[in-house]
C-alpha atoms as a PDB file:
ATOM      1  CA  MET A   1      13.284 -10.263  22.757  1.00  0.00           C
ATOM      2  CA  THR A   2      16.031  -8.558  20.768  1.00  0.00           C
ATOM      3  CA  GLU A   3      14.195  -9.291  17.502  1.00  0.00           C
ATOM      4  CA  PHE A   4      11.109  -7.264  18.440  1.00  0.00           C
ATOM      5  CA  PRO A   5      12.690  -3.792  17.980  1.00  0.00           C
ATOM      6  CA  LYS A   6      14.066  -4.867  14.592  1.00  0.00           C
ATOM      7  CA  VAL A   7      10.641  -6.068  13.497  1.00  0.00           C
ATOM      8  CA  LEU A   8       9.062  -2.794  14.624  1.00  0.00           C
ATOM      9  CA  MET A   9      11.635  -0.773  12.673  1.00  0.00           C
ATOM     10  CA  ILE A  10      11.062  -2.870   9.556  1.00  0.00           C
ATOM     11  CA  ILE A  11       7.282  -2.504   9.842  1.00  0.00           C
ATOM     12  CA  GLY A  12       7.670   1.252  10.374  1.00  0.00           C
ATOM     13  CA  GLY A  13       9.941   1.536   7.342  1.00  0.00           C
ATOM     14  CA  VAL A  14       7.511  -0.425   5.185  1.00  0.00           C
ATOM     15  CA  LEU A  15       4.610   1.767   6.323  1.00  0.00           C
ATOM     16  CA  LEU A  16       6.650   4.887   5.570  1.00  0.00           C
ATOM     17  CA  ILE A  17       7.441   3.658   2.068  1.00  0.00           C
ATOM     18  CA  ILE A  18       3.800   2.725   1.484  1.00  0.00           C
ATOM     19  CA  GLY A  19       2.717   6.193   2.701  1.00  0.00           C
ATOM     20  CA  ILE A  20       5.093   7.936   0.315  1.00  0.00           C
ATOM     21  CA  PHE A  21       4.010   5.571  -2.465  1.00  0.00           C
ATOM     22  CA  MET A  22       0.341   6.384  -1.819  1.00  0.00           C
ATOM     23  CA  GLN A  23       0.992  10.116  -2.195  1.00  0.00           C
ATOM     24  CA  PHE A  24       2.008   9.545  -5.796  1.00  0.00           C
ATOM     25  CA  ILE A  25      -0.399   6.811  -6.903  1.00  0.00           C
ATOM     26  CA  GLY A  26      -3.630   7.977  -5.321  1.00  0.00           C
ATOM     27  CA  LYS A  27      -5.375   8.291  -8.675  1.00  0.00           C
ATOM     28  CA  LEU A  28      -4.135   5.813 -11.241  1.00  0.00           C
ATOM     29  CA  PRO A  29      -5.754   5.268 -14.622  1.00  0.00           C
ATOM     30  CA  GLY A  30      -8.405   2.625 -14.070  1.00  0.00           C
ATOM     31  CA  ASP A  31      -9.576   3.981 -10.722  1.00  0.00           C
ATOM     32  CA  ILE A  32     -13.295   4.696 -10.985  1.00  0.00           C
ATOM     33  CA  VAL A  33     -14.708   8.082  -9.934  1.00  0.00           C
ATOM     34  CA  PHE A  34     -18.409   8.950  -9.960  1.00  0.00           C
ATOM     35  CA  LYS A  35     -19.318  12.622  -9.500  1.00  0.00           C
ATOM     36  CA  LYS A  36     -22.919  13.754  -9.297  1.00  0.00           C
ATOM     37  CA  GLY A  37     -23.816  17.018  -7.681  1.00  0.00           C
ATOM     38  CA  ASN A  38     -22.215  17.280  -4.258  1.00  0.00           C
ATOM     39  CA  THR A  39     -21.466  13.539  -4.084  1.00  0.00           C
ATOM     40  CA  THR A  40     -18.215  11.913  -5.184  1.00  0.00           C
ATOM     41  CA  ILE A  41     -17.651   8.165  -5.033  1.00  0.00           C
ATOM     42  CA  PHE A  42     -14.124   6.865  -5.597  1.00  0.00           C
ATOM     43  CA  PHE A  43     -13.283   3.183  -6.235  1.00  0.00           C
ATOM     44  CA  PRO A  44      -9.468   2.778  -6.284  1.00  0.00           C
ATOM     45  CA  ILE A  45      -9.460  -0.591  -8.083  1.00  0.00           C
ATOM     46  CA  VAL A  46      -6.090  -0.299  -9.852  1.00  0.00           C
ATOM     47  CA  THR A  47      -4.476   1.266  -6.788  1.00  0.00           C
ATOM     48  CA  CYS A  48      -5.635  -1.696  -4.674  1.00  0.00           C
ATOM     49  CA  ILE A  49      -4.225  -4.155  -7.210  1.00  0.00           C
ATOM     50  CA  VAL A  50      -0.852  -2.366  -7.206  1.00  0.00           C
ATOM     51  CA  ILE A  51      -0.763  -2.313  -3.393  1.00  0.00           C
ATOM     52  CA  SER A  52      -1.672  -6.003  -3.286  1.00  0.00           C
ATOM     53  CA  ILE A  53       1.173  -6.896  -5.645  1.00  0.00           C
ATOM     54  CA  VAL A  54       3.684  -4.794  -3.697  1.00  0.00           C
ATOM     55  CA  LEU A  55       2.625  -6.270  -0.347  1.00  0.00           C
ATOM     56  CA  SER A  56       2.743  -9.802  -1.769  1.00  0.00           C
ATOM     57  CA  LEU A  57       6.309  -9.201  -2.925  1.00  0.00           C
ATOM     58  CA  VAL A  58       7.326  -7.697   0.432  1.00  0.00           C
ATOM     59  CA  PHE A  59       5.811 -10.542   2.473  1.00  0.00           C
ATOM     60  CA  SER A  60       7.261 -13.130   0.113  1.00  0.00           C
ATOM     61  CA  PHE A  61      10.695 -11.523   0.514  1.00  0.00           C
ATOM     62  CA  PHE A  62      10.493 -11.480   4.315  1.00  0.00           C
ATOM     63  CA  GLY A  63       8.986 -14.983   4.377  1.00  0.00           C
ATOM     64  CA  ARG A  64      12.128 -16.407   2.806  1.00  0.00           C
ATOM     65  CA  PHE A  65      14.202 -15.425   5.859  1.00  0.00           C
ATOM     66  CA  LYS A  66      12.060 -17.408   8.252  1.00  0.00           C
END
């Protein structure tokens, strides 16, 4: 039971870092934006790829300690 608070703090820290990271990379080159009239459609393709790579590295790092 003593591991649970540590896991929660790690998850919170990771979410904080991801939140800060998202503030700066919200619109990377390669993200697709369609604007027509009052409608805007945003497809964050490159942002999703970057997030996927970062999360894969984080989970791979934490998976090594198991």
